[in-house]
């Protein structure tokens, strides 16, 4: 079990502190059911900062590779993780900040005097995973086109259209 790393989130951001480290993928328990293999390391950096209007933020960056299971062939899929999240610290979770621009990359989290850094890293990784990871077309062991029109296979609707025009020419 990994050693818990805890910070006072608001003080960390107020002081502009930074923390870097790595965690074994095998130590991220909530992630295990989604993995093909628990091998590998994730590198993370957590930085506190003060933004506009005196707001405080945590910036979380996570990099590494996860071994996910391909949903087509059920084989191993090396999935690169390269996340950068900006999290606004809020005192009261019932008073969420107004959404000015829905494309903004900032999320909000509650101030925590005893925030578990590795749990935050794991949360960000979980939120960044695809719903159904698959190999790139042509790289999957299962083969097939999976929803892509075949090049050499005639389209069934084209064949029906040809029959329809053929019937019209008879009349």
Foldseek 3Di string as FASTA:
>chain_A
DDDWDWAQQVVQQVVFHKDKDKDQQLPLVVCVVFAPDSGWMKIKMWTWYADPPRWIKIKIWIWIWTFGAAPQQRHTDTHTGTDIAIETEDADPVDADDPPDPVDRYHYDYGDRTDGPVVVVSVRVVVPDDPHDHDDQPPDPNHDDVPDDDPPDDDPVVVVVVVVVVVVVVD
